[in-house]
PDB file of N, CA and C in Angstrom:
ATOM      1  N   MET A   1       0.857  -1.171   0.000  1.00  0.00           N
ATOM      2  CA  MET A   1       0.000   0.000   0.000  1.00  0.00           C
ATOM      3  C   MET A   1       0.904   1.235   0.000  1.00  0.00           C
ATOM      4  N   LYS A   2       0.724   2.098  -0.979  1.00  0.00           N
ATOM      5  CA  LYS A   2       1.513   3.321  -1.077  1.00  0.00           C
ATOM      6  C   LYS A   2       1.078   4.313  -0.005  1.00  0.00           C
ATOM      7  N   LEU A   3       1.923   5.311   0.199  1.00  0.00           N
ATOM      8  CA  LEU A   3       1.601   6.379   1.125  1.00  0.00           C
ATOM      9  C   LEU A   3       0.344   7.095   0.630  1.00  0.00           C
ATOM     10  N   PRO A   4      -0.624   7.340   1.509  1.00  0.00           N
ATOM     11  CA  PRO A   4      -1.828   8.057   1.074  1.00  0.00           C
ATOM     12  C   PRO A   4      -1.467   9.425   0.491  1.00  0.00           C
ATOM     13  N   LEU A   5      -2.230   9.851  -0.484  1.00  0.00           N
ATOM     14  CA  LEU A   5      -1.981  11.135  -1.129  1.00  0.00           C
ATOM     15  C   LEU A   5      -2.423  12.318  -0.268  1.00  0.00           C
ATOM     16  N   ASN A   6      -3.451  12.091   0.563  1.00  0.00           N
ATOM     17  CA  ASN A   6      -3.996  13.173   1.379  1.00  0.00           C
ATOM     18  C   ASN A   6      -4.790  12.574   2.537  1.00  0.00           C
ATOM     19  N   TYR A   7      -5.384  13.452   3.324  1.00  0.00           N
ATOM     20  CA  TYR A   7      -6.131  13.008   4.505  1.00  0.00           C
ATOM     21  C   TYR A   7      -7.290  12.086   4.123  1.00  0.00           C
ATOM     22  N   GLU A   8      -7.975  12.424   3.061  1.00  0.00           N
ATOM     23  CA  GLU A   8      -9.122  11.606   2.635  1.00  0.00           C
ATOM     24  C   GLU A   8      -8.689  10.188   2.257  1.00  0.00           C
ATOM     25  N   THR A   9      -7.609  10.062   1.527  1.00  0.00           N
ATOM     26  CA  THR A   9      -7.156   8.715   1.157  1.00  0.00           C
ATOM     27  C   THR A   9      -6.609   7.975   2.371  1.00  0.00           C
ATOM     28  N   PHE A  10      -6.061   8.723   3.350  1.00  0.00           N
ATOM     29  CA  PHE A  10      -5.674   8.091   4.613  1.00  0.00           C
ATOM     30  C   PHE A  10      -6.910   7.486   5.283  1.00  0.00           C
ATOM     31  N   LEU A  11      -7.984   8.270   5.365  1.00  0.00           N
ATOM     32  CA  LEU A  11      -9.217   7.761   5.985  1.00  0.00           C
ATOM     33  C   LEU A  11      -9.746   6.545   5.240  1.00  0.00           C
ATOM     34  N   ASN A  12      -9.642   6.543   3.912  1.00  0.00           N
ATOM     35  CA  ASN A  12     -10.093   5.389   3.131  1.00  0.00           C
ATOM     36  C   ASN A  12      -9.276   4.144   3.451  1.00  0.00           C
ATOM     37  N   SER A  13      -8.020   4.336   3.848  1.00  0.00           N
ATOM     38  CA  SER A  13      -7.157   3.189   4.167  1.00  0.00           C
ATOM     39  C   SER A  13      -7.612   2.462   5.433  1.00  0.00           C
ATOM     40  N   LEU A  14      -8.482   3.092   6.199  1.00  0.00           N
ATOM     41  CA  LEU A  14      -8.951   2.471   7.435  1.00  0.00           C
ATOM     42  C   LEU A  14      -9.835   1.257   7.167  1.00  0.00           C
ATOM     43  N   GLN A  15     -10.209   1.046   5.920  1.00  0.00           N
ATOM     44  CA  GLN A  15     -10.972  -0.142   5.555  1.00  0.00           C
ATOM     45  C   GLN A  15     -10.084  -1.387   5.534  1.00  0.00           C
ATOM     46  N   LYS A  16      -8.781  -1.169   5.475  1.00  0.00           N
ATOM     47  CA  LYS A  16      -7.829  -2.290   5.464  1.00  0.00           C
ATOM     48  C   LYS A  16      -7.718  -2.883   6.866  1.00  0.00           C
ATOM     49  N   GLU A  17      -7.099  -4.048   6.934  1.00  0.00           N
ATOM     50  CA  GLU A  17      -6.930  -4.705   8.234  1.00  0.00           C
ATOM     51  C   GLU A  17      -5.719  -4.210   8.998  1.00  0.00           C
ATOM     52  N   ALA A  18      -4.783  -3.598   8.288  1.00  0.00           N
ATOM     53  CA  ALA A  18      -3.572  -3.088   8.921  1.00  0.00           C
ATOM     54  C   ALA A  18      -2.971  -2.006   8.029  1.00  0.00           C
ATOM     55  N   PRO A  19      -2.183  -1.121   8.625  1.00  0.00           N
ATOM     56  CA  PRO A  19      -1.506  -0.121   7.793  1.00  0.00           C
ATOM     57  C   PRO A  19      -0.352  -0.776   7.045  1.00  0.00           C
ATOM     58  N   SER A  20       0.106  -0.123   6.024  1.00  0.00           N
ATOM     59  CA  SER A  20       1.229  -0.639   5.273  1.00  0.00           C
ATOM     60  C   SER A  20       2.487  -0.619   6.128  1.00  0.00           C
ATOM     61  N   GLU A  21       3.248  -1.694   6.067  1.00  0.00           N
ATOM     62  CA  GLU A  21       4.518  -1.736   6.802  1.00  0.00           C
ATOM     63  C   GLU A  21       5.544  -0.795   6.178  1.00  0.00           C
ATOM     64  N   HIS A  22       5.241  -0.286   4.989  1.00  0.00           N
ATOM     65  CA  HIS A  22       6.135   0.638   4.299  1.00  0.00           C
ATOM     66  C   HIS A  22       5.882   2.100   4.694  1.00  0.00           C
ATOM     67  N   TRP A  23       4.809   2.335   5.406  1.00  0.00           N
ATOM     68  CA  TRP A  23       4.510   3.685   5.869  1.00  0.00           C
ATOM     69  C   TRP A  23       5.463   4.065   6.994  1.00  0.00           C
ATOM     70  N   PRO A  24       5.684   5.377   7.190  1.00  0.00           N
ATOM     71  CA  PRO A  24       6.447   5.820   8.363  1.00  0.00           C
ATOM     72  C   PRO A  24       5.725   5.370   9.639  1.00  0.00           C
ATOM     73  N   GLU A  25       6.500   5.074  10.654  1.00  0.00           N
ATOM     74  CA  GLU A  25       5.893   4.609  11.907  1.00  0.00           C
ATOM     75  C   GLU A  25       4.912   5.622  12.476  1.00  0.00           C
ATOM     76  N   ALA A  26       5.178   6.905  12.302  1.00  0.00           N
ATOM     77  CA  ALA A  26       4.258   7.927  12.805  1.00  0.00           C
ATOM     78  C   ALA A  26       2.879   7.766  12.159  1.00  0.00           C
ATOM     79  N   LEU A  27       2.842   7.504  10.866  1.00  0.00           N
ATOM     80  CA  LEU A  27       1.565   7.333  10.171  1.00  0.00           C
ATOM     81  C   LEU A  27       0.890   6.033  10.607  1.00  0.00           C
ATOM     82  N   GLN A  28       1.670   5.008  10.844  1.00  0.00           N
ATOM     83  CA  GLN A  28       1.108   3.764  11.358  1.00  0.00           C
ATOM     84  C   GLN A  28       0.470   3.993  12.732  1.00  0.00           C
ATOM     85  N   ALA A  29       1.142   4.760  13.579  1.00  0.00           N
ATOM     86  CA  ALA A  29       0.591   5.060  14.909  1.00  0.00           C
ATOM     87  C   ALA A  29      -0.747   5.783  14.784  1.00  0.00           C
ATOM     88  N   LEU A  30      -0.811   6.750  13.884  1.00  0.00           N
ATOM     89  CA  LEU A  30      -2.061   7.492  13.689  1.00  0.00           C
ATOM     90  C   LEU A  30      -3.145   6.601  13.109  1.00  0.00           C
ATOM     91  N   TRP A  31      -2.766   5.687  12.236  1.00  0.00           N
ATOM     92  CA  TRP A  31      -3.733   4.755  11.650  1.00  0.00           C
ATOM     93  C   TRP A  31      -4.366   3.900  12.757  1.00  0.00           C
ATOM     94  N   TYR A  32      -3.530   3.362  13.638  1.00  0.00           N
ATOM     95  CA  TYR A  32      -4.074   2.535  14.729  1.00  0.00           C
ATOM     96  C   TYR A  32      -4.977   3.348  15.642  1.00  0.00           C
ATOM     97  N   ASP A  33      -4.618   4.601  15.903  1.00  0.00           N
ATOM     98  CA  ASP A  33      -5.491   5.444  16.712  1.00  0.00           C
ATOM     99  C   ASP A  33      -6.843   5.618  16.029  1.00  0.00           C
ATOM    100  N   ALA A  34      -6.823   5.874  14.737  1.00  0.00           N
ATOM    101  CA  ALA A  34      -8.069   6.062  13.996  1.00  0.00           C
ATOM    102  C   ALA A  34      -8.932   4.807  13.995  1.00  0.00           C
ATOM    103  N   LYS A  35      -8.284   3.655  14.092  1.00  0.00           N
ATOM    104  CA  LYS A  35      -9.020   2.386  14.135  1.00  0.00           C
ATOM    105  C   LYS A  35      -9.520   2.059  15.546  1.00  0.00           C
ATOM    106  N   GLY A  36      -9.162   2.917  16.514  1.00  0.00           N
ATOM    107  CA  GLY A  36      -9.623   2.704  17.884  1.00  0.00           C
ATOM    108  C   GLY A  36      -8.689   1.861  18.722  1.00  0.00           C
ATOM    109  N   ASP A  37      -7.482   1.628  18.237  1.00  0.00           N
ATOM    110  CA  ASP A  37      -6.508   0.828  18.983  1.00  0.00           C
ATOM    111  C   ASP A  37      -5.481   1.771  19.619  1.00  0.00           C
ATOM    112  N   TRP A  38      -5.885   2.403  20.710  1.00  0.00           N
ATOM    113  CA  TRP A  38      -5.044   3.368  21.398  1.00  0.00           C
ATOM    114  C   TRP A  38      -3.726   2.732  21.831  1.00  0.00           C
ATOM    115  N   ASN A  39      -3.784   1.513  22.344  1.00  0.00           N
ATOM    116  CA  ASN A  39      -2.569   0.852  22.837  1.00  0.00           C
ATOM    117  C   ASN A  39      -1.541   0.630  21.738  1.00  0.00           C
ATOM    118  N   ALA A  40      -1.975   0.147  20.590  1.00  0.00           N
ATOM    119  CA  ALA A  40      -1.043  -0.072  19.480  1.00  0.00           C
ATOM    120  C   ALA A  40      -0.445   1.261  19.038  1.00  0.00           C
ATOM    121  N   SER A  41      -1.274   2.283  18.973  1.00  0.00           N
ATOM    122  CA  SER A  41      -0.801   3.607  18.584  1.00  0.00           C
ATOM    123  C   SER A  41       0.219   4.121  19.590  1.00  0.00           C
ATOM    124  N   HIS A  42      -0.096   3.993  20.857  1.00  0.00           N
ATOM    125  CA  HIS A  42       0.797   4.461  21.924  1.00  0.00           C
ATOM    126  C   HIS A  42       2.117   3.693  21.920  1.00  0.00           C
ATOM    127  N   ASN A  43       2.056   2.402  21.696  1.00  0.00           N
ATOM    128  CA  ASN A  43       3.282   1.591  21.672  1.00  0.00           C
ATOM    129  C   ASN A  43       4.244   2.065  20.593  1.00  0.00           C
ATOM    130  N   ILE A  44       3.716   2.465  19.458  1.00  0.00           N
ATOM    131  CA  ILE A  44       4.563   2.977  18.380  1.00  0.00           C
ATOM    132  C   ILE A  44       5.067   4.374  18.729  1.00  0.00           C
ATOM    133  N   ALA A  45       4.161   5.247  19.138  1.00  0.00           N
ATOM    134  CA  ALA A  45       4.518   6.650  19.395  1.00  0.00           C
ATOM    135  C   ALA A  45       5.567   6.782  20.491  1.00  0.00           C
ATOM    136  N   GLN A  46       5.442   5.994  21.532  1.00  0.00           N
ATOM    137  CA  GLN A  46       6.382   6.146  22.646  1.00  0.00           C
ATOM    138  C   GLN A  46       7.796   5.713  22.273  1.00  0.00           C
ATOM    139  N   ASP A  47       7.940   4.987  21.180  1.00  0.00           N
ATOM    140  CA  ASP A  47       9.262   4.554  20.725  1.00  0.00           C
ATOM    141  C   ASP A  47       9.829   5.423  19.606  1.00  0.00           C
ATOM    142  N   LEU A  48       9.133   6.498  19.259  1.00  0.00           N
ATOM    143  CA  LEU A  48       9.616   7.414  18.217  1.00  0.00           C
ATOM    144  C   LEU A  48      10.411   8.537  18.881  1.00  0.00           C
ATOM    145  N   PRO A  49      11.725   8.513  18.772  1.00  0.00           N
ATOM    146  CA  PRO A  49      12.562   9.503  19.459  1.00  0.00           C
ATOM    147  C   PRO A  49      12.697  10.809  18.659  1.00  0.00           C
ATOM    148  N   SER A  50      11.586  11.485  18.469  1.00  0.00           N
ATOM    149  CA  SER A  50      11.589  12.711  17.680  1.00  0.00           C
ATOM    150  C   SER A  50      10.515  13.649  18.211  1.00  0.00           C
ATOM    151  N   ASP A  51      10.557  14.902  17.747  1.00  0.00           N
ATOM    152  CA  ASP A  51       9.504  15.844  18.118  1.00  0.00           C
ATOM    153  C   ASP A  51       8.143  15.341  17.644  1.00  0.00           C
ATOM    154  N   LEU A  52       8.117  14.737  16.465  1.00  0.00           N
ATOM    155  CA  LEU A  52       6.857  14.202  15.942  1.00  0.00           C
ATOM    156  C   LEU A  52       6.339  13.072  16.833  1.00  0.00           C
ATOM    157  N   GLY A  53       7.217  12.175  17.246  1.00  0.00           N
ATOM    158  CA  GLY A  53       6.802  11.105  18.155  1.00  0.00           C
ATOM    159  C   GLY A  53       6.259  11.665  19.460  1.00  0.00           C
ATOM    160  N   SER A  54       6.907  12.701  19.978  1.00  0.00           N
ATOM    161  CA  SER A  54       6.424  13.338  21.213  1.00  0.00           C
ATOM    162  C   SER A  54       5.074  14.008  20.987  1.00  0.00           C
ATOM    163  N   TRP A  55       4.884  14.601  19.811  1.00  0.00           N
ATOM    164  CA  TRP A  55       3.606  15.250  19.505  1.00  0.00           C
ATOM    165  C   TRP A  55       2.477  14.210  19.441  1.00  0.00           C
ATOM    166  N   ILE A  56       2.720  13.116  18.759  1.00  0.00           N
ATOM    167  CA  ILE A  56       1.695  12.062  18.696  1.00  0.00           C
ATOM    168  C   ILE A  56       1.428  11.516  20.092  1.00  0.00           C
ATOM    169  N   HIS A  57       2.490  11.318  20.848  1.00  0.00           N
ATOM    170  CA  HIS A  57       2.366  10.829  22.219  1.00  0.00           C
ATOM    171  C   HIS A  57       1.509  11.797  23.051  1.00  0.00           C
ATOM    172  N   ALA A  58       1.760  13.102  22.890  1.00  0.00           N
ATOM    173  CA  ALA A  58       0.986  14.123  23.596  1.00  0.00           C
ATOM    174  C   ALA A  58      -0.491  14.050  23.206  1.00  0.00           C
ATOM    175  N   TYR A  59      -0.736  13.972  21.905  1.00  0.00           N
ATOM    176  CA  TYR A  59      -2.115  13.889  21.400  1.00  0.00           C
ATOM    177  C   TYR A  59      -2.837  12.679  22.009  1.00  0.00           C
ATOM    178  N   LEU A  60      -2.148  11.543  22.059  1.00  0.00           N
ATOM    179  CA  LEU A  60      -2.774  10.326  22.592  1.00  0.00           C
ATOM    180  C   LEU A  60      -3.133  10.476  24.062  1.00  0.00           C
ATOM    181  N   HIS A  61      -2.250  11.089  24.845  1.00  0.00           N
ATOM    182  CA  HIS A  61      -2.566  11.289  26.262  1.00  0.00           C
ATOM    183  C   HIS A  61      -3.641  12.352  26.442  1.00  0.00           C
ATOM    184  N   ARG A  62      -3.672  13.323  25.549  1.00  0.00           N
ATOM    185  CA  ARG A  62      -4.776  14.299  25.567  1.00  0.00           C
ATOM    186  C   ARG A  62      -6.091  13.584  25.305  1.00  0.00           C
ATOM    187  N   LYS A  63      -6.092  12.711  24.316  1.00  0.00           N
ATOM    188  CA  LYS A  63      -7.294  11.943  23.971  1.00  0.00           C
ATOM    189  C   LYS A  63      -7.729  11.073  25.136  1.00  0.00           C
ATOM    190  N   GLU A  64      -6.755  10.539  25.844  1.00  0.00           N
ATOM    191  CA  GLU A  64      -7.014   9.682  27.003  1.00  0.00           C
ATOM    192  C   GLU A  64      -7.584  10.487  28.176  1.00  0.00           C
ATOM    193  N   GLY A  65      -7.368  11.804  28.154  1.00  0.00           N
ATOM    194  CA  GLY A  65      -7.850  12.645  29.241  1.00  0.00           C
ATOM    195  C   GLY A  65      -6.803  12.908  30.310  1.00  0.00           C
ATOM    196  N   ASP A  66      -5.554  12.584  30.022  1.00  0.00           N
ATOM    197  CA  ASP A  66      -4.462  12.759  30.977  1.00  0.00           C
ATOM    198  C   ASP A  66      -3.739  14.067  30.663  1.00  0.00           C
ATOM    199  N   ARG A  67      -4.267  15.175  31.173  1.00  0.00           N
ATOM    200  CA  ARG A  67      -3.728  16.502  30.868  1.00  0.00           C
ATOM    201  C   ARG A  67      -2.274  16.648  31.344  1.00  0.00           C
ATOM    202  N   PHE A  68      -1.973  16.162  32.531  1.00  0.00           N
ATOM    203  CA  PHE A  68      -0.620  16.293  33.072  1.00  0.00           C
ATOM    204  C   PHE A  68       0.399  15.632  32.147  1.00  0.00           C
ATOM    205  N   ASN A  69       0.126  14.403  31.760  1.00  0.00           N
ATOM    206  CA  ASN A  69       1.034  13.657  30.886  1.00  0.00           C
ATOM    207  C   ASN A  69       1.099  14.285  29.491  1.00  0.00           C
ATOM    208  N   SER A  70      -0.045  14.687  28.973  1.00  0.00           N
ATOM    209  CA  SER A  70      -0.042  15.292  27.632  1.00  0.00           C
ATOM    210  C   SER A  70       0.721  16.607  27.636  1.00  0.00           C
ATOM    211  N   ASP A  71       0.604  17.412  28.696  1.00  0.00           N
ATOM    212  CA  ASP A  71       1.367  18.663  28.789  1.00  0.00           C
ATOM    213  C   ASP A  71       2.866  18.389  28.706  1.00  0.00           C
ATOM    214  N   TYR A  72       3.313  17.358  29.403  1.00  0.00           N
ATOM    215  CA  TYR A  72       4.729  16.986  29.378  1.00  0.00           C
ATOM    216  C   TYR A  72       5.182  16.684  27.946  1.00  0.00           C
ATOM    217  N   TRP A  73       4.393  15.875  27.226  1.00  0.00           N
ATOM    218  CA  TRP A  73       4.785  15.466  25.875  1.00  0.00           C
ATOM    219  C   TRP A  73       4.667  16.605  24.871  1.00  0.00           C
ATOM    220  N   TYR A  74       3.700  17.516  25.059  1.00  0.00           N
ATOM    221  CA  TYR A  74       3.647  18.697  24.191  1.00  0.00           C
ATOM    222  C   TYR A  74       4.912  19.537  24.387  1.00  0.00           C
ATOM    223  N   ARG A  75       5.353  19.703  25.636  1.00  0.00           N
ATOM    224  CA  ARG A  75       6.592  20.441  25.881  1.00  0.00           C
ATOM    225  C   ARG A  75       7.769  19.749  25.211  1.00  0.00           C
ATOM    226  N   ARG A  76       7.832  18.420  25.322  1.00  0.00           N
ATOM    227  CA  ARG A  76       8.918  17.668  24.680  1.00  0.00           C
ATOM    228  C   ARG A  76       8.890  17.855  23.161  1.00  0.00           C
ATOM    229  N   ALA A  77       7.706  18.018  22.605  1.00  0.00           N
ATOM    230  CA  ALA A  77       7.548  18.213  21.154  1.00  0.00           C
ATOM    231  C   ALA A  77       7.788  19.669  20.745  1.00  0.00           C
ATOM    232  N   GLY A  78       7.962  20.549  21.732  1.00  0.00           N
ATOM    233  CA  GLY A  78       8.139  21.963  21.421  1.00  0.00           C
ATOM    234  C   GLY A  78       6.849  22.634  21.020  1.00  0.00           C
ATOM    235  N   ARG A  79       5.734  22.141  21.558  1.00  0.00           N
ATOM    236  CA  ARG A  79       4.410  22.662  21.193  1.00  0.00           C
ATOM    237  C   ARG A  79       3.626  23.042  22.437  1.00  0.00           C
ATOM    238  N   SER A  80       2.687  23.941  22.255  1.00  0.00           N
ATOM    239  CA  SER A  80       1.762  24.310  23.317  1.00  0.00           C
ATOM    240  C   SER A  80       0.565  23.383  23.289  1.00  0.00           C
ATOM    241  N   TYR A  81      -0.115  23.290  24.421  1.00  0.00           N
ATOM    242  CA  TYR A  81      -1.360  22.520  24.461  1.00  0.00           C
ATOM    243  C   TYR A  81      -2.333  23.166  23.473  1.00  0.00           C
ATOM    244  N   PRO A  82      -2.892  22.383  22.556  1.00  0.00           N
ATOM    245  CA  PRO A  82      -3.712  22.973  21.483  1.00  0.00           C
ATOM    246  C   PRO A  82      -5.092  23.447  21.937  1.00  0.00           C
ATOM    247  N   ASN A  83      -5.599  24.420  21.196  1.00  0.00           N
ATOM    248  CA  ASN A  83      -6.970  24.903  21.387  1.00  0.00           C
ATOM    249  C   ASN A  83      -7.938  24.187  20.455  1.00  0.00           C
ATOM    250  N   SER A  84      -7.406  23.422  19.526  1.00  0.00           N
ATOM    251  CA  SER A  84      -8.240  22.722  18.550  1.00  0.00           C
ATOM    252  C   SER A  84      -8.896  21.499  19.186  1.00  0.00           C
ATOM    253  N   SER A  85      -9.895  20.982  18.496  1.00  0.00           N
ATOM    254  CA  SER A  85     -10.523  19.744  18.943  1.00  0.00           C
ATOM    255  C   SER A  85      -9.576  18.580  18.667  1.00  0.00           C
ATOM    256  N   LEU A  86      -9.840  17.456  19.282  1.00  0.00           N
ATOM    257  CA  LEU A  86      -9.037  16.258  19.018  1.00  0.00           C
ATOM    258  C   LEU A  86      -9.118  15.871  17.545  1.00  0.00           C
ATOM    259  N   LYS A  87     -10.308  15.975  16.979  1.00  0.00           N
ATOM    260  CA  LYS A  87     -10.486  15.626  15.565  1.00  0.00           C
ATOM    261  C   LYS A  87      -9.641  16.534  14.675  1.00  0.00           C
ATOM    262  N   GLU A  88      -9.636  17.825  14.978  1.00  0.00           N
ATOM    263  CA  GLU A  88      -8.839  18.766  14.190  1.00  0.00           C
ATOM    264  C   GLU A  88      -7.348  18.479  14.353  1.00  0.00           C
ATOM    265  N   GLU A  89      -6.935  18.223  15.579  1.00  0.00           N
ATOM    266  CA  GLU A  89      -5.517  17.935  15.795  1.00  0.00           C
ATOM    267  C   GLU A  89      -5.104  16.658  15.083  1.00  0.00           C
ATOM    268  N   PHE A  90      -5.962  15.661  15.099  1.00  0.00           N
ATOM    269  CA  PHE A  90      -5.661  14.414  14.416  1.00  0.00           C
ATOM    270  C   PHE A  90      -5.435  14.666  12.927  1.00  0.00           C
ATOM    271  N   GLN A  91      -6.315  15.430  12.310  1.00  0.00           N
ATOM    272  CA  GLN A  91      -6.160  15.735  10.881  1.00  0.00           C
ATOM    273  C   GLN A  91      -4.867  16.503  10.634  1.00  0.00           C
ATOM    274  N   ILE A  92      -4.554  17.454  11.496  1.00  0.00           N
ATOM    275  CA  ILE A  92      -3.313  18.222  11.360  1.00  0.00           C
ATOM    276  C   ILE A  92      -2.108  17.289  11.446  1.00  0.00           C
ATOM    277  N   LEU A  93      -2.137  16.355  12.378  1.00  0.00           N
ATOM    278  CA  LEU A  93      -1.043  15.391  12.515  1.00  0.00           C
ATOM    279  C   LEU A  93      -0.889  14.537  11.256  1.00  0.00           C
ATOM    280  N   VAL A  94      -1.981  13.992  10.772  1.00  0.00           N
ATOM    281  CA  VAL A  94      -1.913  13.139   9.563  1.00  0.00           C
ATOM    282  C   VAL A  94      -1.361  13.945   8.399  1.00  0.00           C
ATOM    283  N   GLU A  95      -1.880  15.143   8.198  1.00  0.00           N
ATOM    284  CA  GLU A  95      -1.409  15.965   7.072  1.00  0.00           C
ATOM    285  C   GLU A  95       0.054  16.350   7.247  1.00  0.00           C
ATOM    286  N   PHE A  96       0.479  16.594   8.475  1.00  0.00           N
ATOM    287  CA  PHE A  96       1.887  16.900   8.729  1.00  0.00           C
ATOM    288  C   PHE A  96       2.771  15.734   8.311  1.00  0.00           C
ATOM    289  N   VAL A  97       2.391  14.520   8.697  1.00  0.00           N
ATOM    290  CA  VAL A  97       3.183  13.344   8.347  1.00  0.00           C
ATOM    291  C   VAL A  97       3.195  13.143   6.831  1.00  0.00           C
ATOM    292  N   LEU A  98       2.057  13.302   6.197  1.00  0.00           N
ATOM    293  CA  LEU A  98       1.984  13.087   4.752  1.00  0.00           C
ATOM    294  C   LEU A  98       2.786  14.114   3.963  1.00  0.00           C
ATOM    295  N   ASN A  99       2.941  15.312   4.513  1.00  0.00           N
ATOM    296  CA  ASN A  99       3.603  16.385   3.781  1.00  0.00           C
ATOM    297  C   ASN A  99       5.064  16.602   4.183  1.00  0.00           C
ATOM    298  N   ASN A 100       5.565  15.788   5.091  1.00  0.00           N
ATOM    299  CA  ASN A 100       6.948  15.989   5.545  1.00  0.00           C
ATOM    300  C   ASN A 100       7.757  14.727   5.468  1.00  0.00           C
TER     301      ASN A 100
END
């Protein structure tokens, strides 16, 4: 499975049973989150030693409702706690990965 062209094609990929192993791990983490598998997403994100990995990690803890933990990971990512909805942040994350 090739890298999705945009957010819409990423969402269409959720019909598959698994993300492509050729995708960046960050995109795989987001795919699992979109499928409702928070644990699989978190397991990938926590092992990504980058600002992007910290950002995904922050988003996941925000989604979980753990403000203290998410604040820590947003700081590690060099980002402020967002004012956007979780859905908006998720789309921003997917588009960031697809475009970088």
